[in-house]
Protein backbone atom coordinates (compact mmCIF):
# COMPACT_ATOMS: atom_id res chain seq x y z
CA MET A 1 -31.97 -4.34 46.30
CA GLN A 2 -33.49 -7.57 45.04
CA ASP A 3 -31.25 -10.49 44.10
CA PHE A 4 -31.86 -12.49 40.92
CA PRO A 5 -31.42 -16.21 40.07
CA SER A 6 -29.29 -15.25 37.07
CA LEU A 7 -26.87 -13.42 39.37
CA LYS A 8 -26.68 -16.41 41.72
CA LEU A 9 -25.81 -18.59 38.76
CA LEU A 10 -23.24 -16.03 37.63
CA ASP A 11 -21.58 -16.15 41.07
CA ARG A 12 -20.25 -19.61 40.21
CA PHE A 13 -18.11 -18.06 37.47
CA GLU A 14 -16.63 -15.32 39.65
CA LYS A 15 -13.09 -16.68 39.35
CA ALA A 16 -13.34 -16.74 35.56
CA PHE A 17 -14.28 -13.04 35.47
CA THR A 18 -11.51 -12.18 37.92
CA ARG A 19 -8.89 -13.89 35.76
CA PHE A 20 -9.76 -11.51 32.94
CA GLY A 21 -9.10 -8.51 35.18
CA ILE A 22 -12.76 -7.75 35.91
CA ASP A 23 -13.87 -6.53 39.34
CA TYR A 24 -16.68 -9.06 39.75
CA ARG A 25 -18.29 -7.50 42.83
CA VAL A 26 -18.63 -4.12 41.14
CA MET A 27 -19.86 -5.76 37.93
CA ARG A 28 -22.46 -7.67 39.93
CA LYS A 29 -23.78 -4.46 41.52
CA ILE A 30 -24.08 -2.83 38.09
CA LEU A 31 -25.88 -5.89 36.71
CA GLN A 32 -28.24 -5.93 39.67
CA ALA A 33 -29.23 -2.32 39.01
CA LYS A 34 -29.72 -3.04 35.30
CA LEU A 35 -31.96 -6.05 36.00
CA VAL A 36 -34.08 -3.98 38.40
CA MET A 37 -34.53 -1.41 35.62
CA ASP A 38 -35.52 -4.23 33.26
CA ARG A 39 -38.39 -5.11 35.59
CA ARG A 40 -39.79 -1.61 35.12
CA ARG A 41 -39.39 -1.57 31.35
CA VAL A 42 -42.48 -2.89 29.55
CA PRO A 43 -41.53 -5.08 26.57
CA THR A 44 -43.04 -4.22 23.20
CA ILE A 45 -45.18 -7.35 23.34
CA PHE A 46 -47.08 -5.69 26.26
CA SER A 47 -46.59 -2.06 25.24
CA GLN A 48 -50.17 -1.65 24.05
CA ASN A 49 -51.70 -2.54 27.37
CA ASN A 50 -53.32 0.58 28.73
CA LYS A 51 -53.83 -0.78 32.21
CA LYS A 52 -51.29 0.49 34.68
CA ASP A 53 -49.83 -2.56 36.37
CA LYS A 54 -48.31 -2.69 39.78
CA LYS A 55 -44.76 -1.43 39.99
CA ASP A 56 -43.42 -4.69 41.37
CA LYS A 57 -44.76 -6.76 38.46
CA ASN A 58 -41.94 -8.19 36.34
CA HIS A 59 -43.11 -7.41 32.82
CA TYR A 60 -40.11 -9.05 31.20
CA MET A 61 -40.65 -12.40 32.95
CA LEU A 62 -44.32 -12.25 31.97
CA SER A 63 -43.34 -11.71 28.34
CA LEU A 64 -41.23 -14.88 28.45
CA TRP A 65 -44.41 -16.95 28.80
CA ILE A 66 -45.52 -15.62 25.43
CA TYR A 67 -42.26 -16.88 23.92
CA VAL A 68 -42.79 -20.25 25.61
CA LEU A 69 -46.15 -20.43 23.83
CA PHE A 70 -44.45 -19.66 20.51
CA GLY A 71 -41.84 -22.30 21.33
CA LEU A 72 -44.53 -24.96 21.79
CA PHE A 73 -45.61 -24.45 18.17
CA LEU A 74 -42.08 -25.45 17.07
CA ILE A 75 -42.33 -28.92 18.64
CA PRO A 76 -44.16 -30.60 15.69
CA PHE A 77 -41.46 -29.45 13.27
CA THR A 78 -38.81 -30.98 15.53
CA ILE A 79 -40.36 -34.43 16.04
CA MET A 80 -42.15 -35.01 12.71
CA GLY A 81 -39.32 -36.97 11.03
CA ASP A 82 -35.60 -37.27 10.46
CA ASN A 83 -35.08 -34.85 7.56
CA TYR A 84 -33.03 -32.64 9.85
CA LEU A 85 -31.90 -30.26 7.11
CA PHE A 86 -35.47 -29.23 6.29
CA GLN A 87 -37.02 -29.55 9.76
CA MET A 88 -34.31 -27.79 11.73
CA SER A 89 -33.77 -25.08 9.11
CA LEU A 90 -37.43 -24.17 9.61
CA VAL A 91 -37.13 -24.36 13.40
CA PHE A 92 -33.95 -22.28 13.52
CA GLY A 93 -35.47 -19.87 11.00
CA MET A 94 -38.47 -19.29 13.27
CA ILE A 95 -36.20 -18.92 16.31
CA ILE A 96 -34.11 -16.32 14.49
CA PHE A 97 -37.28 -14.56 13.34
CA PHE A 98 -38.71 -14.22 16.86
CA LEU A 99 -35.37 -13.32 18.46
CA MET A 100 -34.54 -10.71 15.83
CA THR A 101 -37.97 -9.08 15.93
CA SER A 102 -37.72 -8.88 19.71
CA MET A 103 -34.21 -7.48 19.42
CA ILE A 104 -35.42 -4.83 16.98
CA SER A 105 -38.17 -3.69 19.33
CA ASP A 106 -36.53 -4.13 22.75
CA PHE A 107 -32.80 -4.88 22.42
CA SER A 108 -31.82 -1.44 21.11
CA SER A 109 -32.62 0.11 24.49
CA VAL A 110 -30.08 -2.27 26.06
CA LEU A 111 -27.33 -2.02 23.46
CA LEU A 112 -27.68 1.72 22.89
CA ASP A 113 -27.87 2.63 26.59
CA ILE A 114 -25.70 5.72 27.24
CA ARG A 115 -26.35 5.84 30.98
CA ASP A 116 -23.21 3.78 31.65
CA ARG A 117 -21.08 6.46 30.05
CA ASN A 118 -22.85 9.33 31.81
CA ILE A 119 -23.16 7.76 35.29
CA LEU A 120 -20.41 5.15 35.67
CA TYR A 121 -17.51 6.54 33.62
CA PRO A 122 -16.87 9.48 36.02
CA LYS A 123 -16.67 6.96 38.91
CA PRO A 124 -13.44 5.09 39.84
CA ILE A 125 -14.57 1.97 37.99
CA ASP A 126 -12.43 0.15 35.45
CA ARG A 127 -13.79 0.47 31.89
CA LYS A 128 -13.31 -3.24 31.35
CA THR A 129 -15.66 -3.96 34.25
CA ILE A 130 -18.32 -1.62 32.82
CA SER A 131 -18.05 -3.24 29.37
CA ALA A 132 -18.23 -6.73 30.91
CA ALA A 133 -21.38 -5.75 32.83
CA LYS A 134 -23.01 -4.48 29.66
CA LEU A 135 -22.13 -7.58 27.63
CA THR A 136 -23.23 -9.91 30.45
CA HIS A 137 -26.52 -8.00 30.71
CA ILE A 138 -27.11 -8.56 27.00
CA VAL A 139 -26.25 -12.27 27.32
CA ILE A 140 -28.67 -12.70 30.27
CA TYR A 141 -31.39 -10.82 28.39
CA LEU A 142 -31.05 -12.91 25.23
CA SER A 143 -30.43 -16.23 27.02
CA LEU A 144 -33.71 -16.08 28.94
CA MET A 145 -35.59 -15.31 25.75
CA THR A 146 -33.81 -18.11 23.87
CA ILE A 147 -34.53 -20.67 26.60
CA ALA A 148 -38.22 -19.73 26.56
CA LEU A 149 -38.42 -19.90 22.77
CA ALA A 150 -36.10 -22.79 21.83
CA GLY A 151 -36.31 -24.84 25.04
CA PRO A 152 -39.60 -26.70 24.36
CA SER A 153 -38.59 -27.92 20.89
CA ILE A 154 -35.05 -28.93 21.92
CA ILE A 155 -36.34 -30.87 24.95
CA ALA A 156 -38.93 -32.58 22.73
CA GLY A 157 -36.11 -33.43 20.33
CA LEU A 158 -34.16 -35.01 23.21
CA PHE A 159 -36.94 -37.56 23.79
CA ARG A 160 -37.62 -38.07 20.07
CA HIS A 161 -34.09 -38.14 18.58
CA GLY A 162 -31.72 -38.67 21.50
CA ILE A 163 -28.93 -36.96 23.38
CA VAL A 164 -26.77 -36.23 20.31
CA PHE A 165 -29.60 -34.25 18.74
CA PHE A 166 -30.06 -32.31 21.99
CA LEU A 167 -26.38 -31.38 22.30
CA ILE A 168 -25.98 -30.34 18.65
CA ALA A 169 -29.19 -28.31 18.74
CA LEU A 170 -28.06 -26.62 21.96
CA LEU A 171 -24.71 -25.75 20.36
CA ASN A 172 -26.52 -24.31 17.33
CA VAL A 173 -28.76 -22.15 19.51
CA ILE A 174 -25.70 -20.75 21.32
CA LEU A 175 -24.06 -19.96 17.96
CA ILE A 176 -27.29 -18.27 16.78
CA ASP A 177 -27.34 -16.07 19.89
CA LEU A 178 -23.71 -15.04 19.34
CA LEU A 179 -24.46 -14.25 15.70
CA ILE A 180 -27.54 -12.17 16.54
CA ILE A 181 -25.72 -10.16 19.23
CA ALA A 182 -22.69 -9.48 17.06
CA LEU A 183 -24.54 -8.62 13.84
CA THR A 184 -26.96 -6.27 15.59
CA ALA A 185 -24.11 -4.52 17.39
CA LEU A 186 -22.01 -4.21 14.23
CA ILE A 187 -24.93 -2.71 12.29
CA TYR A 188 -25.34 -0.02 14.93
CA LEU A 189 -21.56 0.44 15.11
CA ILE A 190 -21.45 1.30 11.40
CA ILE A 191 -24.37 3.70 11.76
CA LEU A 192 -22.83 5.40 14.79
CA HIS A 193 -19.61 5.93 12.89
CA PHE A 194 -21.22 7.97 10.11
CA PHE A 195 -24.13 9.77 11.79
CA ASP A 196 -24.81 11.69 14.98
CA GLY A 197 -27.50 13.31 17.11
CA GLU A 198 -31.09 13.53 15.98
CA LYS A 199 -30.31 12.25 12.49
CA LEU A 200 -28.83 9.10 14.03
CA LYS A 201 -31.93 8.46 16.14
CA ASP A 202 -34.12 8.76 13.07
CA LEU A 203 -31.82 6.47 11.11
CA ILE A 204 -32.04 3.82 13.83
CA ASN A 205 -35.81 3.73 13.24
CA TYR A 206 -35.19 3.09 9.56
CA VAL A 207 -32.62 0.39 10.33
CA GLN A 208 -35.15 -1.36 12.56
CA ILE A 209 -37.63 -1.31 9.67
CA GLY A 210 -34.91 -2.56 7.32
CA LEU A 211 -34.18 -5.45 9.67
CA SER A 212 -37.89 -6.27 9.67
CA PHE A 213 -37.78 -6.37 5.87
CA SER A 214 -34.73 -8.62 5.91
CA ILE A 215 -36.33 -11.04 8.36
CA MET A 216 -39.56 -11.40 6.38
CA ILE A 217 -37.83 -11.66 3.00
CA GLY A 218 -35.21 -14.01 4.46
CA TYR A 219 -37.93 -16.32 5.72
CA GLN A 220 -39.37 -16.48 2.20
CA LEU A 221 -35.91 -17.36 0.88
CA LEU A 222 -35.67 -20.12 3.47
CA ILE A 223 -38.97 -21.69 2.34
CA ARG A 224 -37.98 -21.32 -1.32
CA SER A 225 -34.67 -23.09 -0.72
CA PHE A 226 -36.34 -26.49 -0.51
CA GLU A 227 -38.08 -28.39 -3.29
CA ILE A 228 -40.56 -31.25 -2.98
CA VAL A 229 -39.83 -33.97 -5.57
CA ASP A 230 -41.79 -37.24 -5.36
CA LEU A 231 -42.88 -36.29 -1.82
CA SER A 232 -39.20 -36.02 -0.83
CA ILE A 233 -37.95 -32.64 0.35
CA SER A 234 -34.50 -31.76 -0.95
CA LEU A 235 -32.13 -28.80 -1.09
CA GLU A 236 -30.63 -27.91 -4.46
CA PRO A 237 -27.46 -25.89 -3.69
CA ALA A 238 -27.49 -22.27 -4.89
CA TRP A 239 -25.08 -19.42 -4.18
CA TRP A 240 -27.68 -17.37 -2.30
CA HIS A 241 -28.09 -20.12 0.30
CA ILE A 242 -24.89 -18.71 1.81
CA LEU A 243 -26.93 -15.65 2.87
CA VAL A 244 -29.72 -17.65 4.56
CA PHE A 245 -28.50 -18.14 8.15
CA PRO A 246 -30.99 -20.84 9.28
CA ILE A 247 -29.79 -23.23 6.58
CA TRP A 248 -26.28 -23.08 8.06
CA TYR A 249 -27.54 -24.64 11.26
CA GLY A 250 -29.93 -27.04 9.56
CA VAL A 251 -26.92 -28.35 7.60
CA ILE A 252 -24.95 -28.82 10.85
CA MET A 253 -27.80 -30.97 12.21
CA GLU A 254 -27.97 -32.97 8.97
CA LEU A 255 -24.23 -33.67 8.84
CA ALA A 256 -24.05 -34.60 12.54
CA LEU A 257 -27.04 -36.95 12.54
CA ASN A 258 -27.46 -38.25 8.99
CA GLY A 259 -23.97 -37.75 7.59
CA GLY A 260 -23.16 -36.43 4.13
CA SER A 261 -20.30 -35.66 1.80
CA GLN A 262 -21.42 -32.66 -0.26
CA PRO A 263 -18.72 -29.94 -0.19
CA PHE A 264 -21.41 -27.23 -0.25
CA TYR A 265 -22.85 -28.61 2.98
CA PHE A 266 -19.46 -28.41 4.67
CA LEU A 267 -19.12 -24.81 3.48
CA LEU A 268 -22.48 -23.85 5.01
CA ALA A 269 -21.69 -25.69 8.25
CA GLY A 270 -18.31 -23.96 8.45
CA LEU A 271 -19.98 -20.57 8.04
CA GLY A 272 -22.41 -21.42 10.83
CA ILE A 273 -19.54 -22.11 13.22
CA VAL A 274 -16.95 -19.54 12.15
CA VAL A 275 -19.05 -16.44 11.41
CA PRO A 276 -20.51 -16.03 14.96
CA PHE A 277 -17.04 -16.16 16.58
CA VAL A 278 -15.52 -13.84 13.98
CA SER A 279 -18.42 -11.40 14.45
CA ILE A 280 -18.01 -11.43 18.24
CA TRP A 281 -14.25 -10.89 17.85
CA ILE A 282 -14.85 -7.89 15.57
CA TYR A 283 -17.43 -6.49 17.99
CA ALA A 284 -15.07 -6.91 20.97
CA LYS A 285 -12.25 -5.23 19.07
CA PHE A 286 -14.37 -2.19 18.23
CA THR A 287 -16.20 -1.97 21.57
CA PRO A 288 -14.19 1.13 22.73
CA THR A 289 -15.08 2.91 19.47
CA PHE A 290 -18.69 1.82 19.87
CA GLU A 291 -18.86 3.21 23.41
CA ARG A 292 -17.33 6.53 22.33
CA ASN A 293 -19.77 6.90 19.48
CA LEU A 294 -22.74 6.16 21.74
CA GLN A 295 -22.27 9.65 23.14
CA LYS A 296 -23.63 10.96 19.84
CA LEU A 297 -27.08 9.78 20.96
CA SER A 298 -27.14 12.59 23.52
CA GLN A 299 -26.41 15.24 20.92
CA HIS A 300 -29.28 17.33 19.63
CA ASN A 301 -28.50 19.01 16.36
CA LYS A 302 -31.15 21.51 15.39
CA GLY A 303 -29.65 21.97 11.97
CA ARG A 304 -30.72 24.59 9.50
CA ILE A 305 -34.34 25.30 8.89
CA LYS A 306 -35.00 24.53 5.26
CA LYS A 307 -36.74 27.17 3.24
CA ARG A 308 -40.05 26.19 1.85
CA LEU A 309 -39.94 25.58 -1.83
CA LYS A 310 -42.48 27.42 -3.92
CA LEU A 311 -43.45 24.12 -5.48
CA GLY A 312 -44.25 22.65 -2.06
CA GLU A 313 -46.30 25.71 -1.12
CA SER A 314 -48.25 25.46 -4.38
CA PHE A 315 -48.90 21.78 -3.68
CA ARG A 316 -50.27 22.59 -0.21
CA LYS A 317 -52.58 25.23 -1.67
CA PHE A 318 -53.77 22.74 -4.25
CA ILE A 319 -54.71 19.96 -1.80
CA CYS A 320 -55.77 22.27 1.05
CA PRO A 321 -58.06 25.00 -0.33
CA THR A 322 -58.49 26.89 2.96
CA LYS A 323 -55.83 28.61 5.03
CA GLU A 324 -56.91 26.84 8.23
CA GLU A 325 -56.60 23.42 6.62
CA ARG A 326 -53.11 24.28 5.31
CA VAL A 327 -52.01 25.26 8.82
CA PHE A 328 -53.05 21.90 10.30
CA TYR A 329 -51.71 20.02 7.30
CA GLN A 330 -48.31 21.63 7.88
CA PHE A 331 -48.51 21.04 11.64
CA SER A 332 -49.45 17.37 11.23
CA SER A 333 -46.73 16.84 8.61
CA LEU A 334 -44.11 18.16 11.03
CA MET A 335 -45.42 15.95 13.83
CA LEU A 336 -45.38 12.86 11.60
CA LYS A 337 -41.78 13.56 10.62
CA ASN A 338 -40.41 14.57 14.03
CA GLU A 339 -42.44 12.64 16.63
CA ARG A 340 -40.00 9.81 17.40
CA GLU A 341 -42.27 7.71 19.63
CA PHE A 342 -44.99 7.91 17.01
CA LYS A 343 -42.55 6.69 14.36
CA LEU A 344 -41.35 3.82 16.55
CA ARG A 345 -44.93 2.58 16.80
CA VAL A 346 -46.07 3.27 13.24
CA TYR A 347 -43.07 2.77 10.95
CA PRO A 348 -42.85 -1.03 11.43
CA SER A 349 -46.48 -1.25 10.27
CA LEU A 350 -45.59 0.84 7.23
CA GLY A 351 -42.68 -1.46 6.55
CA PHE A 352 -44.85 -4.55 6.67
CA SER A 353 -47.31 -2.83 4.32
CA ILE A 354 -44.54 -2.71 1.75
CA VAL A 355 -43.27 -6.24 2.34
CA ILE A 356 -46.57 -8.16 2.54
CA PRO A 357 -47.61 -7.51 -1.13
CA PHE A 358 -44.23 -8.85 -2.25
CA ILE A 359 -44.56 -11.93 -0.04
CA PHE A 360 -47.89 -12.75 -1.65
CA LEU A 361 -46.31 -12.04 -5.02
CA PHE A 362 -43.66 -14.66 -4.26
CA THR A 363 -46.39 -17.24 -3.62
CA PHE A 364 -47.32 -17.06 -7.31
CA MET A 365 -43.75 -17.88 -8.35
CA ASP A 366 -42.27 -21.36 -8.58
CA ASP A 367 -38.77 -19.95 -8.32
CA PHE A 368 -36.87 -16.72 -8.87
CA SER A 369 -36.34 -17.27 -12.61
CA TRP A 370 -37.41 -15.08 -15.53
CA GLN A 371 -39.83 -17.82 -16.57
CA SER A 372 -41.73 -17.36 -13.30
CA PHE A 373 -41.85 -13.60 -13.79
CA ASN A 374 -43.25 -14.07 -17.28
CA LEU A 375 -45.95 -16.41 -15.95
CA ILE A 376 -47.29 -13.87 -13.47
CA ARG A 377 -47.12 -10.87 -15.83
CA GLU A 378 -50.45 -11.73 -17.42
CA GLY A 379 -52.25 -12.40 -14.14
CA LYS A 380 -53.95 -10.16 -11.59
CA SER A 381 -51.64 -10.75 -8.65
CA TYR A 382 -50.77 -7.03 -8.73
CA LEU A 383 -53.98 -6.55 -6.75
CA ASN A 384 -51.90 -7.68 -3.77
CA ILE A 385 -51.24 -3.96 -3.46
CA TYR A 386 -54.52 -3.78 -1.53
CA PHE A 387 -52.65 -5.37 1.40
CA SER A 388 -50.91 -2.00 1.81
CA LEU A 389 -54.24 -0.62 3.08
CA LEU A 390 -54.23 -2.87 6.14
CA MET A 391 -51.96 -0.54 8.10
CA MET A 392 -54.38 2.40 7.85
CA PRO A 393 -56.68 1.62 10.83
CA THR A 394 -53.72 1.20 13.20
CA VAL A 395 -52.02 4.39 12.01
CA ILE A 396 -55.23 6.45 12.15
CA ILE A 397 -55.78 5.26 15.73
CA THR A 398 -52.19 6.24 16.60
CA LEU A 399 -52.65 9.74 15.14
CA LYS A 400 -54.36 10.83 18.36
CA TYR A 401 -51.26 10.01 20.50
CA SER A 402 -48.06 11.95 21.04
CA GLY A 403 -45.09 12.15 23.36
CA THR A 404 -45.76 15.90 23.61
CA HIS A 405 -49.50 15.61 24.21
CA LYS A 406 -49.46 18.30 26.91
CA GLY A 407 -49.22 20.91 24.20
CA ALA A 408 -52.71 20.00 22.97
CA TRP A 409 -54.12 23.00 24.87
CA VAL A 410 -53.30 25.10 21.80
CA TYR A 411 -56.36 23.60 20.10
CA LYS A 412 -58.54 25.49 22.61
CA LEU A 413 -57.03 28.77 21.46
CA THR A 414 -58.19 28.34 17.88
CA PRO A 415 -61.33 30.31 16.90
CA LEU A 416 -62.73 27.28 15.08
CA LYS A 417 -66.35 26.33 15.67
CA ASN A 418 -66.00 23.22 13.54
CA LEU A 419 -63.07 20.78 13.60
CA LYS A 420 -63.14 19.95 9.90
CA PRO A 421 -59.87 21.82 9.05
CA ILE A 422 -58.06 19.99 11.85
CA PHE A 423 -59.20 16.49 10.89
CA SER A 424 -59.10 16.90 7.12
CA GLY A 425 -55.67 18.56 7.25
CA THR A 426 -54.31 15.78 9.47
CA MET A 427 -55.78 13.07 7.25
CA LYS A 428 -54.27 14.64 4.14
CA ALA A 429 -50.91 14.86 5.92
CA PHE A 430 -51.16 11.17 6.79
CA ILE A 431 -52.00 10.17 3.22
CA VAL A 432 -49.29 12.35 1.63
CA ASN A 433 -46.49 11.66 4.12
CA LEU A 434 -47.10 8.03 5.05
CA TYR A 435 -49.30 6.25 2.53
CA VAL A 436 -48.16 7.88 -0.73
CA PRO A 437 -44.49 6.80 -0.30
CA ILE A 438 -45.60 3.19 0.22
CA TYR A 439 -47.92 3.42 -2.76
CA PHE A 440 -45.21 4.80 -5.04
CA ILE A 441 -42.67 2.17 -3.98
CA LEU A 442 -45.14 -0.59 -4.83
CA CYS A 443 -46.04 1.09 -8.15
CA ILE A 444 -42.39 1.48 -9.12
CA VAL A 445 -41.87 -2.26 -8.63
CA PHE A 446 -45.20 -3.52 -10.00
CA ILE A 447 -45.29 -1.51 -13.24
CA PRO A 448 -42.05 -3.03 -14.66
CA ILE A 449 -43.31 -6.51 -13.74
CA TYR A 450 -46.88 -6.28 -15.05
CA GLY A 451 -46.50 -3.51 -17.60
CA VAL A 452 -48.26 -0.18 -18.16
CA ARG A 453 -51.59 -1.99 -18.51
CA ILE A 454 -52.03 -1.89 -14.74
CA ILE A 455 -51.74 1.93 -14.43
CA PRO A 456 -55.56 2.43 -14.48
CA ASP A 457 -55.83 -0.24 -11.79
CA LEU A 458 -53.17 1.47 -9.66
CA ILE A 459 -54.99 4.81 -9.93
CA LEU A 460 -58.20 3.13 -8.79
CA VAL A 461 -56.31 1.57 -5.87
CA PHE A 462 -55.20 5.04 -4.76
CA VAL A 463 -58.75 6.41 -4.87
CA SER A 464 -59.96 3.33 -2.97
CA ALA A 465 -57.23 3.91 -0.38
CA MET A 466 -58.44 7.47 0.25
CA ILE A 467 -62.04 6.27 0.59
CA TYR A 468 -60.84 3.57 2.98
CA ALA A 469 -58.98 6.16 5.09
CA VAL A 470 -62.12 8.28 5.37
CA ILE A 471 -64.21 5.23 6.34
CA CYS A 472 -61.67 4.30 9.02
CA PHE A 473 -61.83 7.83 10.42
CA ALA A 474 -65.64 7.76 10.41
CA ILE A 475 -65.86 4.47 12.31
CA LEU A 476 -63.03 4.93 14.81
CA GLU A 477 -63.24 7.01 17.97
CA LYS A 478 -62.80 10.77 17.41
CA SER A 479 -60.04 12.57 19.26
CA LEU A 480 -57.91 15.61 18.50
CA PRO A 481 -54.66 14.71 16.70
CA PHE A 482 -51.60 14.17 18.92
CA SER A 483 -53.57 15.09 22.06
CA ARG A 484 -53.23 11.90 24.12
CA SER A 485 -50.34 10.28 25.96
CA PHE A 486 -48.92 7.00 24.65
CA GLU A 487 -49.26 5.70 28.21
CA THR A 488 -53.02 5.54 27.60
CA TYR A 489 -52.64 3.70 24.29
CA SER A 490 -55.26 0.95 24.21
CA SER A 491 -55.28 -2.29 22.27
CA GLY A 492 -59.04 -2.66 22.78
CA ASN A 493 -59.80 -1.76 19.17
CA GLY A 494 -58.89 -5.20 17.84
CA ALA A 495 -62.43 -6.14 16.78
CA ILE A 496 -62.95 -2.83 14.97
CA ILE A 497 -59.57 -3.09 13.23
CA PHE A 498 -60.38 -6.63 12.09
CA MET A 499 -63.72 -5.43 10.69
CA LEU A 500 -61.99 -2.60 8.85
CA MET A 501 -59.51 -5.08 7.38
CA LEU A 502 -62.48 -6.94 5.93
CA VAL A 503 -63.63 -3.64 4.41
CA ALA A 504 -60.23 -3.38 2.68
CA GLY A 505 -60.84 -6.85 1.28
CA LEU A 506 -64.24 -5.65 0.05
CA PHE A 507 -62.52 -2.92 -2.00
CA ALA A 508 -60.26 -5.54 -3.59
CA GLY A 509 -63.29 -7.71 -4.36
CA LEU A 510 -65.16 -4.83 -6.01
CA HIS A 511 -62.05 -4.08 -8.07
CA ILE A 512 -61.92 -7.68 -9.32
CA ILE A 513 -65.65 -7.71 -10.12
CA SER A 514 -65.38 -4.44 -12.07
CA LYS A 515 -62.85 -6.05 -14.42
CA LEU A 516 -65.34 -8.73 -15.39
CA PHE A 517 -67.43 -6.24 -17.42
CA PRO A 518 -66.57 -4.07 -20.43
CA TYR A 519 -65.53 -0.61 -19.18
CA GLY A 520 -66.43 -1.83 -15.70
CA LEU A 521 -63.14 -0.57 -14.29
CA TYR A 522 -63.77 2.98 -15.53
CA ILE A 523 -67.38 3.01 -14.33
CA TYR A 524 -66.22 1.84 -10.90
CA PHE A 525 -63.51 4.52 -10.93
CA ALA A 526 -66.06 7.26 -11.64
CA LEU A 527 -68.30 6.01 -8.83
CA ALA A 528 -65.32 5.81 -6.48
CA VAL A 529 -64.31 9.43 -7.18
CA LEU A 530 -67.87 10.61 -6.58
CA THR A 531 -68.07 8.60 -3.34
CA LEU A 532 -64.76 10.06 -2.14
CA PHE A 533 -65.95 13.61 -2.86
CA LEU A 534 -69.21 13.14 -0.93
CA LEU A 535 -67.60 11.34 2.01
CA TRP A 536 -64.82 13.89 2.38
CA ARG A 537 -67.36 16.75 2.59
CA LYS A 538 -69.52 14.91 5.13
CA VAL A 539 -67.30 12.85 7.46
CA PHE A 540 -64.94 15.55 8.76
CA ASN A 541 -67.72 17.89 9.92
CA VAL A 542 -67.13 17.16 13.59
CA SER A 543 -68.14 19.53 16.40
CA TRP A 544 -66.22 20.05 19.64
CA GLU A 545 -68.92 18.15 21.56
CA LYS A 546 -68.28 14.93 19.62
CA VAL A 547 -64.55 14.88 20.41
CA GLU A 548 -63.33 12.95 23.44
């Protein structure tokens, strides 16, 4: 079995592990096996590559070069001046952003690995050694990523600001890694305590989306924390700064290099030092409970089959006039709700579709005061809701893939000469189950902000969204829903997706132009409804010969 440089470095600390009662040689063998498995696991950053690479290619090490590239973009923020509070808060914020997004997509498979319990626990191996191997694996995994991401900017800071800057920045990066590991583990620990089986696996998807929300919103809070007065960037203390982690470590840099006497700064710096160690201590204390609860991931609870409500059946008959279309609508709805690999790929895009309109909404606000809300109420920034359409091309492309694609032979058993019921039923399932929830969430937030005057606009947005979905289907490659393996997922549609994003912008532009004329909005709405009716009748008439 191949040896690794990280293991050779770890050999120098063998005595330290032994003093804590850990069988180092056994732990090293376990780690070696885990690192070999990591070579075979394709990181999310490469997951859309449809080319089958050679088995001996180290995908994880290749992904580190991407993080090095991201790290190079942080160098200007590090060397541009000596306002360490502002500069380093931004740098640490970006580091946390990239590390957390990678942890959301890849780290869960490491932390929530139940193979240790199933394979190693029955063996005569001390539990402490198994836990140490798992924690060390996590540390190696995150350390390599952190070095690739934070290394370029910290080294640049060494030459620009000196050795003290380098040492303090290095200490901060270590504290950030401890905080990220502990907080992620504690979040999953809480979830594992209350849920089990299939419901837990679904909930983990939602938590990953929630973490994505928190990262994007947190980054907005970080930018909003600083004010530019007379070309001087300053931080006006506010209670919510306590919740913005990057500022903690920016304050540590400021106090160490520029000094300061504000009590609030010392509070933030203290949180940056104390919270990571307290979080790690809590995680270590509850590790046995965490390991026991991990077994719930192997449970499969079928649960009770819910009876169909008459209201739901009436709704299906209303939107799907034919029996065949209702069958495929119901089938696609079940697949969208139960296909876990599909949700892992699509749900983050849905999450960003909710967050991005709010991020652009924040750009119209000077601060988070009622005065700022009142200033935007009379404007047209609610049209940011059109950004929610940008996820449609990606999701429609993904509709053709499934983890259970081998069951696609059932399509051949259908007596259908035309595929319209299949495609139209699937598209309606997508709109109802995935887009409508996003649309309603945005409406629920936007209507109280802008008032009931925007309701006609929101209705027009929904009609435009359905037209846009049909256009995306018409332009993209045709394939039976859920009939392809995710292993063949291709990222070669980038140019088409970009073009379709421009089409979404065209809808927003037409909406703005329609409001320039009396009754223009209602005329445009009537034309949009007519266009949707004609397109829906025409586009889905696809024969078997045109399907790949």
